[in-house]
Amino acid sequence: MFYLISLGLKPEQITLEALNVMQECSELYFDSYTSCFSEGGLAQLEKIAGKKIVPLGRADIEEQFIEKLKEAKEKNIALLVVGNALFATTHIQLLIDCAKQSIPYKFIPGISLTNYLGLTGLSNYRFGEIVSVVMPEPNYAPESFYDKIVRNYENNLHTLCLIDIKNGKPVSVKDALQRLLEIEAKRNAKIIKNTLIIVISSLAGEKQKIVAGNAKELLKEKFPEPASIIICSKLSENEKWALKTLYGVKQ
């Protein structure tokens, strides 16, 4: 059996179901590139599981893990993923691969950052398509995520922006905001510049921080990692009241 196990945002959020399955598996692997814990790490995870866990990078999972999946016909193997494992298409593909090859599999859900969105004071019902802010590389500088932010904004929906991970380390909020402002300047637009933005960082951790303001204000702040950015659309009256009460935001 192949188990796709969600871990939550920190090792303490592992469910009893996930822990029981981990202890039944003969091999445990950890996705070390899709996301990262708000606090804690692999050593703590191994202590909880009571066994060795092998970290895997992007190529290990996307290109080579198919061979490991075949072994799941004979023994229990698990891939452990921070947050909720089916948040990323990479992991959905693994289940598709299992189905194609008649490999038995089971998904174990877990807590993700989307479970914390209500803590911002925004309504969960008013979020549009989630985007990832991708940083430019040589010969690769996508901007399609900005188009999705604009589309959400025009439809009066908030946008949750996940931040890119480079070399195993999350890109800073400052760099992500500057990237958005850079794209916006090229297009002579002002959504990012003028709208309310909320940064949520180190969710579930001791350093958890939620700050609302405009881009100029947030560029001066320091945020613990990992972090995400919410580009707000027009706020409802309930959202205005919640943001004012919780974070002193005046709209």
Protein backbone atom coordinates (compact mmCIF):
# COMPACT_ATOMS: atom_id res chain seq x y z
CA MET A 1 0.00 0.00 0.00
CA PHE A 2 1.18 3.53 -0.81
CA TYR A 3 0.19 6.18 1.72
CA LEU A 4 0.21 9.89 0.92
CA ILE A 5 0.33 11.42 4.39
CA SER A 6 -0.35 15.06 5.27
CA LEU A 7 1.57 16.34 8.29
CA GLY A 8 0.03 19.71 9.09
CA LEU A 9 2.06 22.88 9.56
CA LYS A 10 4.26 21.53 12.36
CA PRO A 11 5.05 18.04 13.69
CA GLU A 12 2.63 18.47 16.63
CA GLN A 13 -0.27 18.71 14.17
CA ILE A 14 0.15 15.15 12.89
CA THR A 15 -3.15 13.32 13.30
CA LEU A 16 -3.50 10.06 15.19
CA GLU A 17 -4.47 8.40 11.91
CA ALA A 18 -1.29 9.63 10.23
CA LEU A 19 0.89 8.52 13.14
CA ASN A 20 -0.63 5.03 13.19
CA VAL A 21 -0.03 4.62 9.46
CA MET A 22 3.55 5.89 9.71
CA GLN A 23 4.30 3.27 12.33
CA GLU A 24 2.89 0.54 10.07
CA CYS A 25 5.07 1.51 7.09
CA SER A 26 8.38 -0.14 6.35
CA GLU A 27 9.66 2.93 4.45
CA LEU A 28 8.98 6.62 5.07
CA TYR A 29 9.92 9.43 2.69
CA PHE A 30 9.62 13.19 3.25
CA ASP A 31 8.89 15.83 0.62
CA SER A 32 11.52 18.47 1.39
CA TYR A 33 10.82 20.88 -1.48
CA THR A 34 7.07 21.60 -1.79
CA SER A 35 6.69 23.32 1.56
CA CYS A 36 8.32 23.61 4.99
CA PHE A 37 7.21 23.47 8.62
CA SER A 38 6.44 26.70 10.49
CA GLU A 39 8.59 25.23 13.26
CA GLY A 40 10.28 21.90 13.93
CA GLY A 41 11.90 19.70 11.32
CA LEU A 42 12.86 16.25 10.12
CA ALA A 43 14.66 15.28 13.34
CA GLN A 44 11.54 15.96 15.39
CA LEU A 45 9.44 14.11 12.85
CA GLU A 46 11.68 11.04 13.10
CA LYS A 47 11.43 11.14 16.87
CA ILE A 48 7.63 11.16 16.69
CA ALA A 49 7.54 8.38 14.10
CA GLY A 50 10.18 6.34 15.89
CA LYS A 51 11.98 5.48 12.67
CA LYS A 52 14.24 6.82 9.93
CA ILE A 53 12.70 9.14 7.33
CA VAL A 54 14.39 9.76 3.97
CA PRO A 55 14.13 13.34 2.59
CA LEU A 56 13.42 13.70 -1.14
CA GLY A 57 13.92 16.62 -3.51
CA ARG A 58 11.83 17.65 -6.50
CA ALA A 59 13.49 15.35 -9.04
CA ASP A 60 13.33 12.44 -6.59
CA ILE A 61 9.54 12.75 -6.41
CA GLU A 62 8.57 13.91 -9.90
CA GLU A 63 10.96 11.73 -11.91
CA GLN A 64 12.16 8.81 -9.81
CA PHE A 65 9.50 8.00 -7.24
CA ILE A 66 7.48 5.96 -9.73
CA GLU A 67 9.92 3.09 -9.24
CA LYS A 68 9.41 3.26 -5.50
CA LEU A 69 5.63 3.21 -5.97
CA LYS A 70 5.87 -0.19 -7.65
CA GLU A 71 7.24 -1.62 -4.40
CA ALA A 72 4.01 -0.56 -2.67
CA LYS A 73 2.35 -3.63 -4.17
CA GLU A 74 4.37 -5.72 -1.72
CA LYS A 75 4.92 -3.45 1.31
CA ASN A 76 3.68 -0.27 2.98
CA ILE A 77 5.43 2.89 1.79
CA ALA A 78 4.56 6.48 2.66
CA LEU A 79 5.38 9.94 1.38
CA LEU A 80 5.06 12.60 4.09
CA VAL A 81 4.09 16.11 3.02
CA VAL A 82 3.90 19.33 5.06
CA GLY A 83 0.41 20.83 5.22
CA ASN A 84 -2.28 19.04 3.24
CA ALA A 85 -0.64 16.78 0.64
CA LEU A 86 -3.26 17.22 -2.09
CA PHE A 87 -2.72 20.98 -2.13
CA ALA A 88 -0.07 20.45 -4.85
CA THR A 89 -0.60 18.79 -8.24
CA THR A 90 2.67 16.87 -7.86
CA HIS A 91 1.09 14.64 -5.24
CA ILE A 92 -2.16 14.17 -7.12
CA GLN A 93 -0.06 12.83 -9.99
CA LEU A 94 1.38 10.17 -7.67
CA LEU A 95 -2.12 8.89 -6.96
CA ILE A 96 -2.88 8.90 -10.67
CA ASP A 97 0.29 6.86 -11.26
CA CYS A 98 -0.87 4.38 -8.62
CA ALA A 99 -4.30 4.06 -10.20
CA LYS A 100 -2.79 3.43 -13.64
CA GLN A 101 -0.60 0.61 -12.32
CA SER A 102 -3.18 -0.91 -9.94
CA ILE A 103 -1.10 0.05 -6.92
CA PRO A 104 -3.24 0.29 -3.76
CA TYR A 105 -3.10 3.74 -2.16
CA LYS A 106 -4.66 5.84 0.59
CA PHE A 107 -4.64 9.56 1.27
CA ILE A 108 -4.37 10.89 4.85
CA PRO A 109 -5.51 14.55 5.13
CA GLY A 110 -4.01 17.20 7.38
CA ILE A 111 -4.10 20.85 8.39
CA SER A 112 -2.97 23.40 5.80
CA LEU A 113 -2.61 27.17 5.78
CA THR A 114 -6.10 27.46 4.27
CA ASN A 115 -7.49 26.35 7.65
CA TYR A 116 -6.09 29.60 9.07
CA LEU A 117 -7.48 32.06 6.52
CA GLY A 118 -10.45 32.91 8.73
CA LEU A 119 -8.01 34.13 11.36
CA THR A 120 -7.27 37.11 9.13
CA GLY A 121 -10.87 38.31 9.46
CA LEU A 122 -11.58 37.62 5.79
CA SER A 123 -14.42 35.37 4.69
CA ASN A 124 -13.33 31.97 3.35
CA TYR A 125 -16.14 32.20 0.80
CA ARG A 126 -14.58 35.25 -0.86
CA PHE A 127 -11.28 33.79 -2.03
CA GLY A 128 -10.62 33.24 -5.72
CA GLU A 129 -7.99 31.13 -7.46
CA ILE A 130 -4.82 30.55 -5.43
CA VAL A 131 -1.59 31.63 -7.11
CA SER A 132 2.14 31.07 -6.60
CA VAL A 133 4.47 34.07 -6.87
CA VAL A 134 7.33 32.69 -8.96
CA MET A 135 10.66 34.48 -8.92
CA PRO A 136 12.42 35.09 -12.25
CA GLU A 137 15.34 32.95 -13.43
CA PRO A 138 17.53 33.19 -16.54
CA ASN A 139 15.26 32.69 -19.56
CA TYR A 140 12.27 32.11 -17.27
CA ALA A 141 10.19 34.93 -15.81
CA PRO A 142 6.48 34.02 -15.75
CA GLU A 143 3.89 36.67 -14.96
CA SER A 144 0.67 34.69 -15.35
CA PHE A 145 0.13 34.66 -11.58
CA TYR A 146 -0.31 38.44 -11.71
CA ASP A 147 -3.03 38.05 -14.34
CA LYS A 148 -4.90 35.71 -11.99
CA ILE A 149 -4.65 38.25 -9.17
CA VAL A 150 -6.17 40.88 -11.47
CA ARG A 151 -8.94 38.50 -12.50
CA ASN A 152 -9.77 37.70 -8.88
CA TYR A 153 -9.72 41.39 -7.97
CA GLU A 154 -12.06 42.31 -10.82
CA ASN A 155 -14.43 39.56 -9.64
CA ASN A 156 -14.29 41.02 -6.11
CA LEU A 157 -12.39 38.01 -4.73
CA HIS A 158 -9.33 37.94 -2.49
CA THR A 159 -6.18 36.16 -3.70
CA LEU A 160 -4.01 33.89 -1.58
CA CYS A 161 -0.47 34.11 -2.95
CA LEU A 162 1.89 31.30 -2.08
CA ILE A 163 5.57 32.26 -2.17
CA ASP A 164 8.19 30.43 -4.20
CA ILE A 165 10.83 28.19 -2.59
CA LYS A 166 14.38 28.47 -3.92
CA ASN A 167 17.17 26.06 -2.98
CA GLY A 168 15.08 24.67 -0.14
CA LYS A 169 14.46 28.12 1.38
CA PRO A 170 11.27 30.22 1.07
CA VAL A 171 11.60 33.49 -0.82
CA SER A 172 11.12 36.47 1.52
CA VAL A 173 7.90 38.47 1.67
CA LYS A 174 9.87 41.55 0.64
CA ASP A 175 11.20 39.89 -2.52
CA ALA A 176 7.76 38.51 -3.41
CA LEU A 177 6.09 41.91 -2.97
CA GLN A 178 8.80 43.61 -4.98
CA ARG A 179 8.26 41.08 -7.76
CA LEU A 180 4.53 41.85 -7.83
CA LEU A 181 5.18 45.60 -7.85
CA GLU A 182 7.76 45.17 -10.62
CA ILE A 183 5.26 43.38 -12.86
CA GLU A 184 2.60 45.96 -12.02
CA ALA A 185 4.89 48.87 -12.91
CA LYS A 186 5.55 47.35 -16.34
CA ARG A 187 1.79 47.26 -16.91
CA ASN A 188 1.11 50.71 -15.51
CA ALA A 189 -1.37 49.20 -13.02
CA LYS A 190 -1.95 49.95 -9.32
CA ILE A 191 -3.81 47.05 -7.72
CA ILE A 192 -0.91 45.79 -5.61
CA LYS A 193 0.21 49.33 -4.84
CA ASN A 194 -3.16 50.60 -3.65
CA THR A 195 -5.11 47.68 -2.16
CA LEU A 196 -5.00 46.20 1.34
CA ILE A 197 -2.54 43.33 1.68
CA ILE A 198 -2.33 40.81 4.52
CA VAL A 199 0.81 38.80 5.24
CA ILE A 200 0.41 35.55 7.18
CA SER A 201 3.67 34.03 8.38
CA SER A 202 4.88 31.10 10.48
CA LEU A 203 1.30 29.92 10.97
CA ALA A 204 0.82 27.60 13.95
CA GLY A 205 4.33 28.43 15.16
CA GLU A 206 5.46 30.40 18.18
CA LYS A 207 6.53 33.20 15.83
CA GLN A 208 3.16 33.37 14.03
CA LYS A 209 2.59 36.85 12.64
CA ILE A 210 -0.34 38.37 10.76
CA VAL A 211 0.00 41.95 9.54
CA ALA A 212 -2.29 44.00 7.30
CA GLY A 213 -1.34 47.16 5.43
CA ASN A 214 -0.38 48.52 2.04
CA ALA A 215 2.63 47.29 0.07
CA LYS A 216 4.81 50.24 1.12
CA GLU A 217 4.17 49.54 4.80
CA LEU A 218 4.68 45.79 4.53
CA LEU A 219 8.00 46.17 2.70
CA LYS A 220 9.38 47.67 5.92
CA GLU A 221 8.29 44.69 8.05
CA LYS A 222 10.27 41.55 8.80
CA PHE A 223 8.38 38.27 8.70
CA PRO A 224 9.32 34.80 9.95
CA GLU A 225 9.23 32.04 7.34
CA PRO A 226 7.33 30.47 5.75
CA ALA A 227 4.88 33.19 4.74
CA SER A 228 2.07 33.85 2.28
CA ILE A 229 0.46 37.03 0.97
CA ILE A 230 -3.23 37.85 0.60
CA ILE A 231 -4.21 40.50 -1.96
CA CYS A 232 -7.57 41.80 -0.76
CA SER A 233 -10.44 42.87 -2.97
CA LYS A 234 -13.19 45.17 -1.70
CA LEU A 235 -13.97 44.26 1.91
CA SER A 236 -17.45 43.43 3.16
CA GLU A 237 -18.74 45.25 6.24
CA ASN A 238 -18.14 42.16 8.39
CA GLU A 239 -14.57 41.88 7.10
CA LYS A 240 -13.92 45.57 7.81
CA TRP A 241 -15.17 45.14 11.36
CA ALA A 242 -13.11 41.99 11.91
CA LEU A 243 -9.91 43.54 10.54
CA LYS A 244 -10.40 46.69 12.61
CA THR A 245 -11.03 44.69 15.80
CA LEU A 246 -8.28 42.11 15.31
CA TYR A 247 -5.54 44.16 13.66
CA GLY A 248 -6.51 47.83 13.93
CA VAL A 249 -7.08 48.16 10.17
CA LYS A 250 -9.17 51.15 9.15
CA GLN A 251 -10.91 50.87 5.78
